[in-house]
Amino acid sequence: QVQLVESGGGLVQAGGSLGLSCAASGRSLNNYDMAWFRQAPGKEREFVAAISWSGSSTYYADSVQGRFTISTDNAKNTAYLQMNSLKPEDTAVYYCAARPRSVVDPRTPRQYDYWGQGTQVTVSS
């Protein structure tokens, strides 16, 4: 059993930056892939970024490429999402997710077994 707890959400003005954290407990994530998804009101859950726990492979949605960075800290058993140059359209609840290591496309929510509770990110114009 893996528990994920997200933090770092809040209100930021357009063009600003925000860092999200996802702390894992229950077991080490060294054999897991991690991802971030987001969901705005009335919209489907959307892929944002993914990373193998080793950091050897990363994936980004076109909408965040060049602005967001996903990373992990093995010692702290924590995943991060650094968000720069934020836009109002980035406003959403952000969720972290984990799955056992896999070669399957990481960009769909159904691939993930464990989810955090979500943290709200609001970007003002």
C-alpha atoms as a PDB file:
ATOM      1  CA  GLN A   1       0.000   0.000   0.000  1.00  0.00           C
ATOM      2  CA  VAL A   2       1.289   3.433  -1.023  1.00  0.00           C
ATOM      3  CA  GLN A   3      -0.054   6.706   0.329  1.00  0.00           C
ATOM      4  CA  LEU A   4       0.594   9.976  -1.499  1.00  0.00           C
ATOM      5  CA  VAL A   5       0.188  13.414   0.067  1.00  0.00           C
ATOM      6  CA  GLU A   6       0.430  16.550  -2.056  1.00  0.00           C
ATOM      7  CA  SER A   7       1.301  20.047  -0.912  1.00  0.00           C
ATOM      8  CA  GLY A   8       2.400  23.392  -2.307  1.00  0.00           C
ATOM      9  CA  GLY A   9      -0.707  24.563  -4.108  1.00  0.00           C
ATOM     10  CA  GLY A  10      -1.972  28.096  -3.809  1.00  0.00           C
ATOM     11  CA  LEU A  11      -2.686  31.353  -5.579  1.00  0.00           C
ATOM     12  CA  VAL A  12      -0.123  32.901  -7.904  1.00  0.00           C
ATOM     13  CA  GLN A  13      -0.272  35.624 -10.534  1.00  0.00           C
ATOM     14  CA  ALA A  14       0.296  34.923 -14.213  1.00  0.00           C
ATOM     15  CA  GLY A  15       3.971  34.630 -15.068  1.00  0.00           C
ATOM     16  CA  GLY A  16       4.865  33.472 -11.583  1.00  0.00           C
ATOM     17  CA  SER A  17       6.169  30.161 -10.296  1.00  0.00           C
ATOM     18  CA  LEU A  18       4.962  27.498  -7.903  1.00  0.00           C
ATOM     19  CA  GLY A  19       6.431  24.211  -6.689  1.00  0.00           C
ATOM     20  CA  LEU A  20       4.334  21.174  -5.773  1.00  0.00           C
ATOM     21  CA  SER A  21       5.468  18.254  -3.611  1.00  0.00           C
ATOM     22  CA  CYS A  22       4.162  14.691  -3.370  1.00  0.00           C
ATOM     23  CA  ALA A  23       5.370  12.785  -0.314  1.00  0.00           C
ATOM     24  CA  ALA A  24       5.004   9.006  -0.396  1.00  0.00           C
ATOM     25  CA  SER A  25       4.685   6.628   2.536  1.00  0.00           C
ATOM     26  CA  GLY A  26       4.040   2.931   3.005  1.00  0.00           C
ATOM     27  CA  ARG A  27       6.902   1.758   0.828  1.00  0.00           C
ATOM     28  CA  SER A  28       9.816   3.034  -1.196  1.00  0.00           C
ATOM     29  CA  LEU A  29       9.005   4.319  -4.674  1.00  0.00           C
ATOM     30  CA  ASN A  30      12.238   3.096  -6.213  1.00  0.00           C
ATOM     31  CA  ASN A  31      10.279   0.558  -8.280  1.00  0.00           C
ATOM     32  CA  TYR A  32       7.531   2.991  -9.318  1.00  0.00           C
ATOM     33  CA  ASP A  33       6.871   5.539 -12.024  1.00  0.00           C
ATOM     34  CA  MET A  34       5.416   8.886 -10.945  1.00  0.00           C
ATOM     35  CA  ALA A  35       3.157  11.347 -12.710  1.00  0.00           C
ATOM     36  CA  TRP A  36       1.220  14.567 -12.274  1.00  0.00           C
ATOM     37  CA  PHE A  37      -2.283  15.109 -13.633  1.00  0.00           C
ATOM     38  CA  ARG A  38      -4.639  18.064 -13.327  1.00  0.00           C
ATOM     39  CA  GLN A  39      -8.362  18.593 -13.537  1.00  0.00           C
ATOM     40  CA  ALA A  40     -10.228  21.855 -14.015  1.00  0.00           C
ATOM     41  CA  PRO A  41     -13.955  22.205 -13.226  1.00  0.00           C
ATOM     42  CA  GLY A  42     -16.092  20.568 -15.903  1.00  0.00           C
ATOM     43  CA  LYS A  43     -13.103  19.018 -17.677  1.00  0.00           C
ATOM     44  CA  GLU A  44     -11.550  15.566 -17.818  1.00  0.00           C
ATOM     45  CA  ARG A  45      -8.411  14.746 -15.905  1.00  0.00           C
ATOM     46  CA  GLU A  46      -5.423  15.828 -18.008  1.00  0.00           C
ATOM     47  CA  PHE A  47      -1.882  14.477 -18.153  1.00  0.00           C
ATOM     48  CA  VAL A  48       0.813  16.948 -17.117  1.00  0.00           C
ATOM     49  CA  ALA A  49       4.125  15.126 -16.607  1.00  0.00           C
ATOM     50  CA  ALA A  50       5.606  11.728 -15.758  1.00  0.00           C
ATOM     51  CA  ILE A  51       8.963  10.335 -14.646  1.00  0.00           C
ATOM     52  CA  SER A  52      10.495   6.980 -13.882  1.00  0.00           C
ATOM     53  CA  TRP A  53      11.668   6.956 -10.260  1.00  0.00           C
ATOM     54  CA  SER A  54      15.253   6.614 -11.462  1.00  0.00           C
ATOM     55  CA  GLY A  55      14.806   9.832 -13.440  1.00  0.00           C
ATOM     56  CA  SER A  56      16.000   8.197 -16.637  1.00  0.00           C
ATOM     57  CA  SER A  57      12.824   9.045 -18.584  1.00  0.00           C
ATOM     58  CA  THR A  58      10.526  12.068 -18.445  1.00  0.00           C
ATOM     59  CA  TYR A  59       7.369  12.988 -20.351  1.00  0.00           C
ATOM     60  CA  TYR A  60       5.486  16.284 -20.636  1.00  0.00           C
ATOM     61  CA  ALA A  61       2.218  17.439 -22.091  1.00  0.00           C
ATOM     62  CA  ASP A  62       2.686  19.829 -25.003  1.00  0.00           C
ATOM     63  CA  SER A  63       0.867  22.523 -23.037  1.00  0.00           C
ATOM     64  CA  VAL A  64       3.506  22.573 -20.274  1.00  0.00           C
ATOM     65  CA  GLN A  65       6.658  21.625 -22.190  1.00  0.00           C
ATOM     66  CA  GLY A  66       9.438  24.063 -21.374  1.00  0.00           C
ATOM     67  CA  ARG A  67       7.583  25.545 -18.398  1.00  0.00           C
ATOM     68  CA  PHE A  68       7.143  22.642 -15.959  1.00  0.00           C
ATOM     69  CA  THR A  69       9.747  20.239 -14.592  1.00  0.00           C
ATOM     70  CA  ILE A  70       9.074  16.922 -12.848  1.00  0.00           C
ATOM     71  CA  SER A  71      11.695  15.475 -10.520  1.00  0.00           C
ATOM     72  CA  THR A  72      12.166  13.068  -7.606  1.00  0.00           C
ATOM     73  CA  ASP A  73      14.230  12.970  -4.429  1.00  0.00           C
ATOM     74  CA  ASN A  74      14.955   9.357  -3.552  1.00  0.00           C
ATOM     75  CA  ALA A  75      16.201  10.128  -0.043  1.00  0.00           C
ATOM     76  CA  LYS A  76      12.934  11.888   0.822  1.00  0.00           C
ATOM     77  CA  ASN A  77      10.724   9.491  -1.174  1.00  0.00           C
ATOM     78  CA  THR A  78       9.128  12.561  -2.740  1.00  0.00           C
ATOM     79  CA  ALA A  79       8.178  13.723  -6.225  1.00  0.00           C
ATOM     80  CA  TYR A  80       8.028  17.352  -7.305  1.00  0.00           C
ATOM     81  CA  LEU A  81       6.512  19.511 -10.001  1.00  0.00           C
ATOM     82  CA  GLN A  82       8.164  22.879 -10.544  1.00  0.00           C
ATOM     83  CA  MET A  83       5.857  25.192 -12.491  1.00  0.00           C
ATOM     84  CA  ASN A  84       7.229  28.343 -14.102  1.00  0.00           C
ATOM     85  CA  SER A  85       5.687  30.988 -16.366  1.00  0.00           C
ATOM     86  CA  LEU A  86       2.249  30.069 -15.096  1.00  0.00           C
ATOM     87  CA  LYS A  87      -0.819  30.939 -17.145  1.00  0.00           C
ATOM     88  CA  PRO A  88      -4.472  31.290 -16.094  1.00  0.00           C
ATOM     89  CA  GLU A  89      -5.261  28.132 -18.081  1.00  0.00           C
ATOM     90  CA  ASP A  90      -3.001  26.200 -15.689  1.00  0.00           C
ATOM     91  CA  THR A  91      -5.619  26.693 -12.975  1.00  0.00           C
ATOM     92  CA  ALA A  92      -6.771  23.256 -11.772  1.00  0.00           C
ATOM     93  CA  VAL A  93      -6.564  20.705  -9.003  1.00  0.00           C
ATOM     94  CA  TYR A  94      -3.226  18.934  -9.393  1.00  0.00           C
ATOM     95  CA  TYR A  95      -2.863  15.254  -8.482  1.00  0.00           C
ATOM     96  CA  CYS A  96       0.224  13.096  -8.135  1.00  0.00           C
ATOM     97  CA  ALA A  97       0.023   9.421  -9.054  1.00  0.00           C
ATOM     98  CA  ALA A  98       2.191   6.305  -8.858  1.00  0.00           C
ATOM     99  CA  ARG A  99       2.345   2.958 -10.658  1.00  0.00           C
ATOM    100  CA  PRO A 100       4.727  -0.005 -10.622  1.00  0.00           C
ATOM    101  CA  ARG A 101       7.435   0.380 -13.241  1.00  0.00           C
ATOM    102  CA  SER A 102       5.938  -0.090 -16.689  1.00  0.00           C
ATOM    103  CA  VAL A 103       6.708   0.486 -20.364  1.00  0.00           C
ATOM    104  CA  VAL A 104       3.069   1.291 -21.111  1.00  0.00           C
ATOM    105  CA  ASP A 105       2.291   4.860 -22.236  1.00  0.00           C
ATOM    106  CA  PRO A 106       2.329   6.894 -18.988  1.00  0.00           C
ATOM    107  CA  ARG A 107      -0.011   9.655 -20.155  1.00  0.00           C
ATOM    108  CA  THR A 108      -3.391   8.151 -19.207  1.00  0.00           C
ATOM    109  CA  PRO A 109      -4.881   8.135 -15.677  1.00  0.00           C
ATOM    110  CA  ARG A 110      -5.938   4.476 -15.887  1.00  0.00           C
ATOM    111  CA  GLN A 111      -2.289   3.401 -15.762  1.00  0.00           C
ATOM    112  CA  TYR A 112      -1.900   4.530 -12.144  1.00  0.00           C
ATOM    113  CA  ASP A 113      -2.746   2.573  -9.005  1.00  0.00           C
ATOM    114  CA  TYR A 114      -2.187   5.229  -6.341  1.00  0.00           C
ATOM    115  CA  TRP A 115      -3.325   8.847  -6.175  1.00  0.00           C
ATOM    116  CA  GLY A 116      -2.898  11.812  -3.886  1.00  0.00           C
ATOM    117  CA  GLN A 117      -5.790  13.897  -2.618  1.00  0.00           C
ATOM    118  CA  GLY A 118      -5.047  16.806  -4.937  1.00  0.00           C
ATOM    119  CA  THR A 119      -3.916  20.368  -4.341  1.00  0.00           C
ATOM    120  CA  GLN A 120      -5.503  23.487  -5.819  1.00  0.00           C
ATOM    121  CA  VAL A 121      -3.455  25.751  -8.078  1.00  0.00           C
ATOM    122  CA  THR A 122      -5.035  29.055  -9.067  1.00  0.00           C
ATOM    123  CA  VAL A 123      -3.347  31.447 -11.488  1.00  0.00           C
ATOM    124  CA  SER A 124      -4.749  34.961 -11.653  1.00  0.00           C
ATOM    125  CA  SER A 125      -4.548  37.127 -14.769  1.00  0.00           C
END
